């Protein structure tokens, strides 16, 4: 299933256009990207973040991990996946990563 145009953003990286979005959850957010013009293989990056709890615990937020994803991060994620062999034009299961600190770690597919 393609990423919705309504709830996503475009970015150009390595001379190609990609569509990306963030999906929130309780203790993490998930970054998802695919090529903008074709629905093919995606990349997914799981990122530890308490951003979804911000409004629940406001104003006591000093102990929360409020990690947000910036366009610079998006470009880094996409470039790394391309270097690791991600081909966004092919079909298949997503390339999965986990962000640990500032380091992107590839998760092996089962």
Protein backbone atom coordinates (compact mmCIF):
# COMPACT_ATOMS: atom_id res chain seq x y z
CA UNK A 1 0.00 0.00 0.00
CA UNK A 2 1.37 3.41 -0.96
CA UNK A 3 2.00 6.17 1.55
CA UNK A 4 -0.88 8.67 1.56
CA UNK A 5 -0.12 11.95 -0.20
CA UNK A 6 -2.32 13.78 2.27
CA UNK A 7 -0.39 12.73 5.39
CA UNK A 8 3.17 12.73 4.06
CA UNK A 9 5.94 14.98 2.85
CA UNK A 10 8.22 14.95 -0.18
CA UNK A 11 12.01 15.11 -0.11
CA UNK A 12 14.66 14.88 -2.82
CA UNK A 13 17.64 12.75 -1.94
CA UNK A 14 20.44 11.51 -4.18
CA UNK A 15 18.65 13.00 -7.20
CA UNK A 16 15.38 11.10 -6.58
CA UNK A 17 12.09 12.08 -4.97
CA UNK A 18 10.74 10.20 -1.97
CA UNK A 19 7.57 10.41 0.10
CA UNK A 20 7.81 9.99 3.87
CA UNK A 21 5.67 10.01 6.98
CA UNK A 22 5.87 9.43 10.71
CA UNK A 23 3.60 6.97 12.50
CA UNK A 24 3.34 7.55 16.28
CA UNK A 25 3.02 4.85 18.93
CA UNK A 26 3.28 4.76 22.73
CA UNK A 27 7.06 4.53 23.25
CA UNK A 28 8.38 5.07 19.75
CA UNK A 29 7.71 6.67 16.38
CA UNK A 30 8.15 4.93 13.07
CA UNK A 31 9.60 6.70 10.04
CA UNK A 32 8.39 5.24 6.72
CA UNK A 33 9.56 6.21 3.23
CA UNK A 34 9.15 5.07 -0.35
CA UNK A 35 9.86 6.40 -3.82
CA UNK A 36 7.43 9.24 -4.58
CA UNK A 37 6.17 8.10 -7.99
CA UNK A 38 6.03 4.33 -7.52
CA UNK A 39 4.75 2.15 -4.73
CA UNK A 40 7.50 -0.36 -4.12
CA UNK A 41 9.70 -1.47 -1.27
CA UNK A 42 9.67 0.84 1.75
CA UNK A 43 12.14 1.63 4.50
CA UNK A 44 11.04 1.73 8.12
CA UNK A 45 13.02 3.22 10.99
CA UNK A 46 11.88 2.64 14.58
CA UNK A 47 12.87 5.54 16.84
CA UNK A 48 12.50 5.63 20.61
CA UNK A 49 10.49 8.76 21.49
CA UNK A 50 8.00 9.94 24.09
CA UNK A 51 6.58 12.61 21.78
CA UNK A 52 3.16 10.94 21.87
CA UNK A 53 3.07 11.40 25.67
CA UNK A 54 3.86 15.14 25.54
CA UNK A 55 0.28 16.32 25.95
CA UNK A 56 -0.54 13.73 28.58
CA UNK A 57 2.26 14.76 30.90
CA UNK A 58 2.48 18.48 30.16
CA UNK A 59 3.93 20.56 31.88
CA UNK A 60 6.03 17.82 33.56
CA UNK A 61 8.02 16.94 30.45
CA UNK A 62 11.64 17.35 31.52
CA UNK A 63 12.15 13.57 31.79
CA UNK A 64 10.62 12.76 28.37
CA UNK A 65 12.62 11.80 25.28
CA UNK A 66 11.08 14.24 22.80
CA UNK A 67 12.96 13.06 19.71
CA UNK A 68 11.56 14.54 16.51
CA UNK A 69 12.58 13.80 12.93
CA UNK A 70 13.95 16.66 10.83
CA UNK A 71 14.40 16.72 7.04
CA UNK A 72 18.16 16.29 7.57
CA UNK A 73 17.42 13.03 9.42
CA UNK A 74 15.14 11.91 6.59
CA UNK A 75 17.88 12.47 4.01
CA UNK A 76 20.35 10.54 6.18
CA UNK A 77 17.96 7.57 6.59
CA UNK A 78 17.24 7.38 2.86
CA UNK A 79 20.90 7.74 1.83
CA UNK A 80 21.96 5.02 4.28
CA UNK A 81 19.27 2.63 3.05
CA UNK A 82 20.29 3.22 -0.58
CA UNK A 83 23.94 2.50 0.34
CA UNK A 84 22.80 -0.69 2.09
CA UNK A 85 21.16 -1.96 -1.11
CA UNK A 86 17.58 -0.73 -0.75
CA UNK A 87 15.94 -0.63 -4.17
CA UNK A 88 12.70 1.37 -3.78
CA UNK A 89 11.46 0.25 -7.20
CA UNK A 90 11.30 -3.44 -6.37
CA UNK A 91 8.52 -5.15 -4.46
CA UNK A 92 9.21 -6.84 -1.17
CA UNK A 93 9.22 -6.50 2.57
CA UNK A 94 10.47 -3.20 4.00
CA UNK A 95 14.10 -2.50 4.83
CA UNK A 96 13.93 -2.16 8.61
CA UNK A 97 16.18 -0.13 10.85
CA UNK A 98 16.31 0.98 14.47
CA UNK A 99 17.80 4.34 15.46
CA UNK A 100 20.06 3.87 18.49
CA UNK A 101 21.38 7.24 19.64
CA UNK A 102 22.46 8.78 16.35
CA UNK A 103 23.36 5.45 14.72
CA UNK A 104 21.11 3.64 12.26
CA UNK A 105 21.19 -0.15 12.80
CA UNK A 106 19.78 -2.52 10.19
CA UNK A 107 17.35 -5.15 11.52
CA UNK A 108 17.60 -8.50 9.80
CA UNK A 109 14.49 -9.82 8.08
CA UNK A 110 13.03 -13.10 9.28
